[in-house]
N, C-alpha and C. Protein backbone atom coordinates (compact mmCIF):
# COMPACT_ATOMS: atom_id res chain seq x y z
N MET A 1 93.81 55.13 31.10
CA MET A 1 94.95 56.09 31.33
C MET A 1 94.29 57.49 31.38
N SER A 2 94.80 58.39 32.30
CA SER A 2 94.38 59.78 32.44
C SER A 2 95.14 60.93 31.80
N THR A 3 94.47 61.60 31.14
CA THR A 3 95.15 62.71 30.37
C THR A 3 95.76 63.95 31.08
N PHE A 4 96.76 64.22 30.62
CA PHE A 4 97.68 65.29 31.53
C PHE A 4 97.39 66.55 30.98
N ASN A 5 96.70 67.39 31.99
CA ASN A 5 96.35 68.67 31.68
C ASN A 5 97.26 69.74 32.03
N THR A 6 98.07 70.03 31.02
CA THR A 6 99.15 71.09 31.43
C THR A 6 98.55 72.56 31.57
N GLU A 7 97.50 72.85 30.87
CA GLU A 7 97.02 74.08 31.04
C GLU A 7 96.49 74.26 32.57
N LYS A 8 95.90 73.39 33.04
CA LYS A 8 95.37 73.43 34.64
C LYS A 8 96.51 73.45 35.53
N LEU A 9 97.66 72.87 35.23
CA LEU A 9 98.79 73.10 36.11
C LEU A 9 99.52 74.40 35.88
N GLU A 10 99.39 74.93 34.48
CA GLU A 10 100.20 76.27 34.37
C GLU A 10 99.29 77.36 35.26
N ASN A 11 97.73 77.03 34.98
CA ASN A 11 96.93 78.09 35.96
C ASN A 11 97.35 78.03 37.33
N GLN A 12 97.62 76.47 37.85
CA GLN A 12 97.77 76.54 39.24
C GLN A 12 99.08 77.23 39.74
N GLY A 13 100.10 76.90 38.73
CA GLY A 13 101.42 77.52 39.03
C GLY A 13 101.52 79.03 39.13
N SER A 14 100.61 79.67 38.19
CA SER A 14 100.53 81.01 38.26
C SER A 14 99.85 81.39 39.41
N GLU A 15 98.89 80.81 39.93
CA GLU A 15 98.09 81.14 41.21
C GLU A 15 98.99 81.04 42.46
N PHE A 16 99.92 80.09 42.38
CA PHE A 16 101.02 79.95 43.48
C PHE A 16 101.80 81.11 43.33
N LYS A 17 102.25 81.39 42.30
CA LYS A 17 103.43 82.57 42.10
C LYS A 17 102.81 83.77 42.67
N ASN A 18 101.51 84.00 42.36
CA ASN A 18 100.55 85.14 42.60
C ASN A 18 100.76 85.23 44.17
N GLN A 19 100.29 84.13 44.78
CA GLN A 19 100.15 84.05 46.29
C GLN A 19 101.39 84.16 46.89
N ALA A 20 102.58 83.68 46.27
CA ALA A 20 103.94 83.74 46.89
C ALA A 20 104.40 85.44 46.89
N LYS A 21 103.81 86.01 45.54
CA LYS A 21 104.17 87.47 45.59
C LYS A 21 103.38 88.20 46.48
N GLY A 22 102.26 87.84 46.77
CA GLY A 22 101.33 88.58 47.82
C GLY A 22 102.10 88.45 49.34
N LEU A 23 102.40 87.24 49.51
CA LEU A 23 103.15 86.74 50.81
C LEU A 23 104.36 87.76 51.04
N LYS A 24 105.26 87.77 49.84
CA LYS A 24 106.47 88.30 50.19
C LYS A 24 106.19 90.01 50.18
N ASN A 25 104.92 90.53 49.63
CA ASN A 25 104.66 91.94 49.74
C ASN A 25 104.29 92.15 51.27
N LYS A 26 103.37 91.09 51.85
CA LYS A 26 103.02 91.27 53.11
C LYS A 26 104.43 91.13 54.23
N ALA A 27 105.25 90.42 53.68
CA ALA A 27 106.47 90.32 54.58
C ALA A 27 107.28 91.69 54.51
N ASN A 28 107.34 92.14 53.25
CA ASN A 28 107.76 93.53 53.40
C ASN A 28 107.09 94.47 53.80
N ASP A 29 106.01 94.51 53.82
CA ASP A 29 105.27 95.55 54.63
C ASP A 29 105.45 95.26 56.13
N LEU A 30 105.62 93.96 56.61
CA LEU A 30 105.75 93.83 57.97
C LEU A 30 107.36 94.24 58.60
N LYS A 31 108.16 94.18 57.37
CA LYS A 31 109.55 94.54 57.77
C LYS A 31 109.57 95.96 57.95
N ASP A 32 108.84 96.83 56.99
CA ASP A 32 108.71 98.37 56.91
C ASP A 32 107.98 98.62 58.43
N LYS A 33 106.86 98.01 58.78
CA LYS A 33 106.34 98.42 59.99
C LYS A 33 107.26 98.20 61.07
N ALA A 34 108.25 97.13 61.09
CA ALA A 34 109.02 96.73 62.19
C ALA A 34 110.17 97.73 62.32
N LYS A 35 110.51 98.29 61.22
CA LYS A 35 111.59 99.40 61.36
C LYS A 35 110.97 100.48 62.07
N ASP A 36 109.61 100.81 62.13
CA ASP A 36 109.11 102.04 62.73
C ASP A 36 109.23 101.58 64.33
N PHE A 37 109.23 100.19 64.70
CA PHE A 37 109.34 99.88 65.86
C PHE A 37 110.53 100.03 66.54
N LYS A 38 110.63 100.18 67.73
CA LYS A 38 111.86 100.44 68.41
C LYS A 38 112.99 99.46 68.37
N PHE A 39 112.41 98.16 68.36
CA PHE A 39 113.41 97.15 68.45
C PHE A 39 113.20 96.35 67.24
N ASP A 40 114.50 95.80 66.84
CA ASP A 40 114.48 94.78 65.60
C ASP A 40 114.36 93.34 66.17
N LEU A 41 113.07 92.85 66.08
CA LEU A 41 112.83 91.57 66.40
C LEU A 41 113.34 90.31 65.57
N SER A 42 113.86 90.71 64.22
CA SER A 42 114.49 89.62 63.41
C SER A 42 115.79 89.15 63.87
N THR A 43 116.35 89.79 64.71
CA THR A 43 117.74 89.34 65.15
C THR A 43 117.82 88.88 66.75
N LEU A 44 118.66 88.29 67.18
CA LEU A 44 118.82 87.87 68.63
C LEU A 44 119.20 88.98 69.26
N LYS A 45 119.91 89.80 68.80
CA LYS A 45 120.60 91.13 69.64
C LYS A 45 119.13 92.09 69.81
N GLY A 46 118.41 92.10 68.83
CA GLY A 46 117.01 92.97 69.02
C GLY A 46 116.15 92.28 70.15
N VAL A 47 116.03 91.20 70.06
CA VAL A 47 115.08 90.52 71.00
C VAL A 47 115.74 90.59 72.51
N LEU A 48 117.06 90.66 72.65
CA LEU A 48 117.65 90.80 73.89
C LEU A 48 117.79 92.26 74.35
N ASN A 49 117.60 93.17 73.37
CA ASN A 49 117.44 94.51 73.59
C ASN A 49 115.94 94.86 74.18
N LEU A 50 115.06 94.25 73.51
CA LEU A 50 113.78 94.25 74.00
C LEU A 50 113.67 93.87 75.52
N ILE A 51 113.88 92.74 75.83
CA ILE A 51 114.00 92.03 76.98
C ILE A 51 114.69 92.95 78.05
N LEU A 52 115.98 93.39 77.72
CA LEU A 52 116.68 94.16 78.64
C LEU A 52 115.90 95.72 79.00
N SER A 53 115.20 96.01 77.91
CA SER A 53 114.52 97.57 78.13
C SER A 53 113.50 97.35 79.27
N ALA A 54 112.90 96.12 79.30
CA ALA A 54 111.94 96.02 80.20
C ALA A 54 112.58 95.97 81.86
N PHE A 55 113.91 95.83 81.79
CA PHE A 55 114.41 95.85 83.09
C PHE A 55 115.19 97.25 83.41
N SER A 56 115.18 98.25 82.48
CA SER A 56 115.98 99.37 82.43
C SER A 56 115.17 100.47 83.54
N LYS A 57 116.38 100.94 84.28
CA LYS A 57 115.74 102.18 85.05
C LYS A 57 115.08 103.17 84.52
N PRO A 58 113.71 103.57 85.02
CA PRO A 58 112.94 104.62 84.43
C PRO A 58 113.59 105.98 84.82
N ASP A 59 113.05 107.02 84.11
CA ASP A 59 113.64 108.29 84.47
C ASP A 59 113.20 108.66 85.93
N GLU A 60 114.03 109.56 86.54
CA GLU A 60 113.80 110.03 88.01
C GLU A 60 112.48 110.60 88.01
N PRO A 61 111.44 110.49 88.87
CA PRO A 61 110.29 111.41 89.05
C PRO A 61 110.65 112.68 89.33
N VAL A 62 109.69 113.63 89.09
CA VAL A 62 109.74 114.94 89.27
C VAL A 62 109.82 115.27 90.86
N ALA A 63 110.79 116.08 91.25
CA ALA A 63 110.70 116.33 92.79
C ALA A 63 109.40 117.19 93.19
N ALA A 64 109.09 116.84 94.21
CA ALA A 64 107.72 117.77 94.72
C ALA A 64 107.95 118.93 95.09
N LEU A 65 107.19 119.88 94.98
CA LEU A 65 107.19 121.31 95.20
C LEU A 65 106.82 121.53 96.76
N PRO A 66 107.62 122.42 97.32
CA PRO A 66 107.31 122.69 98.73
C PRO A 66 105.92 123.18 98.90
N PRO A 67 104.95 122.83 99.97
CA PRO A 67 103.59 123.10 100.02
C PRO A 67 103.52 124.69 100.00
N PRO A 68 104.45 125.51 100.57
CA PRO A 68 104.17 126.93 100.58
C PRO A 68 104.12 127.47 99.21
N LEU A 69 105.16 127.10 98.40
CA LEU A 69 105.30 127.38 97.00
C LEU A 69 104.11 127.07 96.13
N ILE A 70 103.45 125.95 96.40
CA ILE A 70 102.42 125.55 95.61
C ILE A 70 101.12 126.18 96.08
N MET A 71 101.01 126.77 97.46
CA MET A 71 99.80 127.51 98.01
C MET A 71 100.03 129.17 97.38
N LEU A 72 101.23 129.53 97.20
CA LEU A 72 101.11 130.80 96.62
C LEU A 72 101.08 130.99 95.08
N GLY A 73 101.95 129.93 94.48
CA GLY A 73 101.91 129.81 93.10
C GLY A 73 100.74 129.42 92.31
N ALA A 74 99.86 128.84 92.96
CA ALA A 74 98.60 128.40 92.47
C ALA A 74 97.60 129.49 92.34
N LYS A 75 97.76 130.58 93.23
CA LYS A 75 96.89 131.78 92.99
C LYS A 75 97.43 132.58 91.64
N LEU A 76 98.74 132.72 91.44
CA LEU A 76 99.18 133.41 90.29
C LEU A 76 99.02 132.72 88.70
N ARG A 77 98.69 131.52 88.66
CA ARG A 77 98.34 130.97 87.45
C ARG A 77 97.12 131.50 86.85
N PRO A 78 97.01 131.56 85.57
CA PRO A 78 95.65 132.15 84.88
C PRO A 78 94.85 131.12 84.54
N GLY A 79 95.24 129.88 84.68
CA GLY A 79 94.22 128.82 84.16
C GLY A 79 94.62 128.40 82.72
N VAL A 80 93.88 127.40 82.22
CA VAL A 80 94.25 126.92 80.84
C VAL A 80 93.08 127.57 80.06
N SER A 81 93.41 128.04 78.95
CA SER A 81 92.66 128.49 77.67
C SER A 81 92.98 128.14 76.31
N ALA A 82 92.10 127.49 75.74
CA ALA A 82 92.17 126.94 74.37
C ALA A 82 92.65 128.05 73.50
N GLN A 83 92.17 129.17 73.58
CA GLN A 83 92.41 130.31 72.75
C GLN A 83 94.06 130.67 72.61
N SER A 84 94.59 130.62 73.96
CA SER A 84 95.88 131.04 74.17
C SER A 84 96.92 129.96 73.79
N VAL A 85 96.55 128.59 73.86
CA VAL A 85 97.21 127.55 73.46
C VAL A 85 97.37 127.26 71.92
N ALA A 86 96.08 127.65 71.22
CA ALA A 86 96.06 127.40 69.87
C ALA A 86 96.83 128.71 69.14
N ALA A 87 96.82 129.92 69.74
CA ALA A 87 97.62 130.94 69.43
C ALA A 87 99.15 130.81 69.41
N ARG A 88 99.50 130.08 70.40
CA ARG A 88 100.91 129.93 70.66
C ARG A 88 101.43 128.91 69.48
N ILE A 89 100.60 127.91 69.22
CA ILE A 89 101.01 126.79 68.47
C ILE A 89 100.97 127.43 66.86
N ILE A 90 99.89 128.08 66.62
CA ILE A 90 99.78 128.71 65.39
C ILE A 90 101.07 129.54 65.10
N SER A 91 101.21 130.28 66.11
CA SER A 91 102.27 131.42 65.90
C SER A 91 103.77 130.77 65.75
N ARG A 92 103.85 129.44 66.09
CA ARG A 92 105.23 128.65 65.97
C ARG A 92 105.21 127.83 64.95
N GLN A 93 104.23 127.64 64.28
CA GLN A 93 104.18 126.97 63.10
C GLN A 93 105.09 127.31 61.88
N SER A 94 105.41 128.66 61.80
CA SER A 94 106.32 129.17 61.09
C SER A 94 107.54 128.72 61.27
N GLU A 95 108.02 128.34 62.45
CA GLU A 95 109.40 127.69 62.64
C GLU A 95 109.71 126.42 61.90
N ALA A 96 108.48 125.80 61.79
CA ALA A 96 108.46 124.53 61.09
C ALA A 96 108.42 124.67 59.60
N GLY A 97 108.53 125.91 59.02
CA GLY A 97 108.35 126.26 57.73
C GLY A 97 106.89 126.19 57.12
N LYS A 98 105.87 126.27 57.98
CA LYS A 98 104.54 126.18 57.55
C LYS A 98 104.08 127.70 57.21
N VAL A 99 103.24 127.87 56.32
CA VAL A 99 102.59 129.27 55.97
C VAL A 99 101.54 129.41 57.11
N VAL A 100 101.65 130.46 57.72
CA VAL A 100 100.57 131.15 58.48
C VAL A 100 99.78 132.17 58.07
N GLY A 101 98.58 132.55 58.73
CA GLY A 101 97.75 133.72 58.33
C GLY A 101 96.91 133.29 57.26
N ASP A 102 96.30 134.14 56.46
CA ASP A 102 95.57 133.94 55.50
C ASP A 102 96.26 133.73 54.19
N VAL A 103 96.07 132.47 53.64
CA VAL A 103 96.99 131.92 52.69
C VAL A 103 96.19 132.39 51.29
N PHE A 104 96.94 132.96 50.47
CA PHE A 104 96.25 133.46 49.03
C PHE A 104 95.18 134.36 49.07
N ALA A 105 95.04 135.01 50.32
CA ALA A 105 93.99 135.88 50.55
C ALA A 105 92.50 135.37 50.16
N ASP A 106 92.46 134.01 50.28
CA ASP A 106 91.06 133.13 50.11
C ASP A 106 90.20 133.29 51.19
N GLY A 107 90.45 133.99 52.16
CA GLY A 107 89.71 133.97 53.58
C GLY A 107 90.53 133.37 54.62
N PRO A 108 89.77 133.03 55.60
CA PRO A 108 90.49 132.54 56.77
C PRO A 108 91.24 131.20 56.48
N ASN A 109 92.41 130.69 56.99
CA ASN A 109 93.16 129.46 56.95
C ASN A 109 92.48 128.64 57.87
N ASN A 110 91.90 127.55 57.10
CA ASN A 110 91.40 126.34 57.52
C ASN A 110 92.26 125.71 58.46
N GLU A 111 93.43 125.49 58.21
CA GLU A 111 94.17 124.83 58.98
C GLU A 111 94.29 125.30 60.50
N GLU A 112 94.44 126.66 60.53
CA GLU A 112 94.57 127.24 61.98
C GLU A 112 93.09 127.10 62.48
N ALA A 113 91.99 127.17 62.00
CA ALA A 113 90.61 126.79 62.45
C ALA A 113 90.63 125.58 63.15
N MET A 114 91.30 124.47 62.33
CA MET A 114 91.40 123.06 62.78
C MET A 114 92.24 123.13 63.86
N GLU A 115 93.25 123.64 64.01
CA GLU A 115 94.14 123.75 65.19
C GLU A 115 93.46 124.26 66.58
N LEU A 116 92.72 125.31 66.33
CA LEU A 116 91.87 125.72 67.37
C LEU A 116 90.94 124.76 68.03
N ILE A 117 90.07 124.00 66.84
CA ILE A 117 89.14 123.05 67.33
C ILE A 117 89.79 121.81 68.07
N ARG A 118 90.91 121.53 67.47
CA ARG A 118 91.75 120.51 68.25
C ARG A 118 92.08 120.94 69.55
N VAL A 119 92.80 121.94 69.79
CA VAL A 119 93.11 122.23 71.10
C VAL A 119 92.00 122.60 72.01
N GLU A 120 91.00 122.91 71.52
CA GLU A 120 89.64 123.25 72.40
C GLU A 120 89.10 121.83 72.79
N GLU A 121 89.11 120.64 71.77
CA GLU A 121 88.64 119.44 72.35
C GLU A 121 89.38 118.79 73.42
N ILE A 122 90.83 119.10 73.21
CA ILE A 122 91.79 118.48 74.19
C ILE A 122 91.75 119.15 75.47
N ILE A 123 91.68 120.42 75.72
CA ILE A 123 91.46 121.11 76.98
C ILE A 123 90.19 120.73 77.53
N ASN A 124 89.14 120.71 76.71
CA ASN A 124 87.85 120.38 77.19
C ASN A 124 87.81 118.92 77.88
N THR A 125 88.43 118.09 77.28
CA THR A 125 88.45 116.87 77.85
C THR A 125 89.22 116.83 79.10
N LEU A 126 90.37 117.61 79.00
CA LEU A 126 91.06 117.65 80.37
C LEU A 126 90.41 118.37 81.49
N LEU A 127 89.60 119.46 81.09
CA LEU A 127 89.02 120.14 82.15
C LEU A 127 87.68 119.46 82.66
N THR A 128 87.01 118.75 81.89
CA THR A 128 85.96 118.16 82.26
C THR A 128 85.87 116.59 82.74
N GLU A 129 86.77 115.80 82.13
CA GLU A 129 86.98 114.46 82.39
C GLU A 129 88.14 114.01 83.22
N SER A 130 88.97 114.82 83.44
CA SER A 130 90.27 114.17 84.23
C SER A 130 89.81 114.30 85.79
N VAL A 131 90.63 113.54 86.45
CA VAL A 131 90.33 113.38 88.03
C VAL A 131 91.76 113.59 88.55
N VAL A 132 91.66 114.38 89.66
CA VAL A 132 92.92 114.79 90.26
C VAL A 132 92.50 114.11 92.05
N ASN A 133 93.51 113.35 92.40
CA ASN A 133 93.41 112.79 93.54
C ASN A 133 94.59 113.07 94.39
N VAL A 134 94.43 113.55 95.68
CA VAL A 134 95.53 113.91 96.59
C VAL A 134 95.42 113.07 97.67
N VAL A 135 96.69 112.72 98.13
CA VAL A 135 97.07 111.57 99.29
C VAL A 135 97.88 112.56 100.45
N ILE A 136 97.40 112.57 101.43
CA ILE A 136 98.20 113.21 102.58
C ILE A 136 98.95 112.12 103.34
N PRO A 137 100.13 111.94 103.53
CA PRO A 137 100.74 110.77 104.14
C PRO A 137 100.50 110.83 105.70
N PRO A 138 100.52 109.77 106.31
CA PRO A 138 100.61 109.81 107.86
C PRO A 138 101.91 110.37 108.15
N GLY A 139 101.80 110.88 109.44
CA GLY A 139 103.21 111.41 109.91
C GLY A 139 103.41 112.78 110.04
N ILE A 140 102.43 113.53 109.37
CA ILE A 140 102.31 115.13 109.34
C ILE A 140 102.21 115.57 110.62
N ALA A 141 102.96 116.64 110.93
CA ALA A 141 103.01 117.21 112.42
C ALA A 141 101.82 118.19 112.24
N ILE A 142 101.05 118.05 113.37
CA ILE A 142 99.98 119.06 113.50
C ILE A 142 100.14 119.72 114.95
N THR A 143 99.52 120.81 115.04
CA THR A 143 99.50 121.74 116.35
C THR A 143 98.18 122.37 116.30
N GLY A 144 97.49 122.18 117.56
CA GLY A 144 96.28 122.89 117.77
C GLY A 144 96.30 123.70 119.02
N VAL A 145 95.33 124.69 118.86
CA VAL A 145 95.31 125.69 120.05
C VAL A 145 93.56 125.64 120.43
N GLY A 146 93.43 125.47 121.76
CA GLY A 146 92.08 125.69 122.09
C GLY A 146 91.80 126.24 123.41
N VAL A 147 90.78 126.25 124.03
CA VAL A 147 90.35 126.76 125.28
C VAL A 147 90.12 125.53 126.26
N GLY A 148 90.88 125.59 127.39
CA GLY A 148 90.68 124.64 128.24
C GLY A 148 89.70 124.97 129.35
N ASN A 149 89.75 124.35 130.44
CA ASN A 149 88.89 124.68 131.75
C ASN A 149 89.47 126.16 132.25
N LEU A 150 88.38 126.79 132.68
CA LEU A 150 88.63 128.19 133.22
C LEU A 150 89.11 129.18 132.18
N GLY A 151 89.04 128.84 130.97
CA GLY A 151 89.50 129.84 129.94
C GLY A 151 90.82 129.94 129.55
N ALA A 152 91.68 128.73 130.06
CA ALA A 152 93.11 128.86 129.93
C ALA A 152 93.47 128.29 128.58
N PRO A 153 94.29 128.65 127.92
CA PRO A 153 94.61 128.39 126.28
C PRO A 153 95.30 126.80 126.67
N VAL A 154 94.99 126.03 125.67
CA VAL A 154 95.69 124.72 125.47
C VAL A 154 96.15 124.72 124.17
N ILE A 155 97.52 124.15 124.26
CA ILE A 155 98.21 124.01 122.90
C ILE A 155 98.30 122.41 122.95
N ILE A 156 98.08 121.86 121.73
CA ILE A 156 98.37 120.37 121.46
C ILE A 156 99.23 120.14 120.34
N GLN A 157 100.01 119.11 120.30
CA GLN A 157 100.87 118.86 119.19
C GLN A 157 100.62 117.13 118.99
N GLY A 158 100.84 116.79 117.73
CA GLY A 158 100.81 115.55 117.36
C GLY A 158 100.89 115.20 115.83
N VAL A 159 100.93 114.07 115.46
CA VAL A 159 100.97 113.69 114.30
C VAL A 159 99.73 113.20 113.61
N THR A 160 99.57 113.18 112.40
CA THR A 160 98.47 112.41 111.63
C THR A 160 98.58 110.83 111.66
N THR A 161 97.84 110.02 111.82
CA THR A 161 98.16 108.69 112.06
C THR A 161 97.59 107.94 110.72
N SER A 162 96.68 108.53 110.13
CA SER A 162 96.35 107.73 108.71
C SER A 162 96.34 108.74 107.51
N MET A 163 96.25 108.10 106.56
CA MET A 163 96.24 108.90 105.28
C MET A 163 95.13 109.64 105.14
N GLY A 164 95.46 110.90 104.53
CA GLY A 164 94.32 111.75 104.24
C GLY A 164 93.90 111.91 102.56
N ILE A 165 92.82 111.78 102.08
CA ILE A 165 92.54 111.60 100.83
C ILE A 165 91.65 112.95 100.52
N GLY A 166 92.04 113.45 99.29
CA GLY A 166 91.03 114.38 98.81
C GLY A 166 91.11 114.31 97.23
N ASP A 167 90.22 115.29 96.71
CA ASP A 167 89.97 115.16 95.29
C ASP A 167 89.90 116.77 94.81
N GLY A 168 90.39 117.10 93.54
CA GLY A 168 90.45 118.26 93.12
C GLY A 168 89.94 118.49 91.53
N ILE A 169 90.08 119.63 91.06
CA ILE A 169 89.87 119.72 89.55
C ILE A 169 91.11 120.51 89.15
N ILE A 170 91.11 120.37 87.72
CA ILE A 170 92.09 121.20 87.00
C ILE A 170 91.51 122.32 86.46
N ARG A 171 92.16 123.44 86.54
CA ARG A 171 91.32 124.73 86.16
C ARG A 171 92.30 125.38 85.04
């Protein structure tokens, strides 16, 4: 006849209770994370909203600017400056209730220095690692002038028949 070990069963029971508490805590953590997620996947309505969002109409793309406006406007832009972007961000931090400037006169504000470093890295990445590709569609009207036989001017008109591709840089 075997002896019944109640102490061993009690220990196993408490282990199971602890595991159940741990699983319950993990489930609560997942529920909290799911609240941050845009869709509630615990209900049928939430699942349907997720599926329907995949078929929703996206925002309209930005209208293209006319080429003469781009040609003239590009010359007027000053270019990207990390110093000016950081200065604008720091000056607007007071709108959010953050203290700006030398805090408690302990020297320079480390948060402002961090903001400058952050902006410098973002702009450096944009300026050195980004790629700009331009495509000129077929069907663009062209006009040319040249000199024909006996020095007479020749005017030609036509359209582009293939795509033109170009590269650029962000400044």
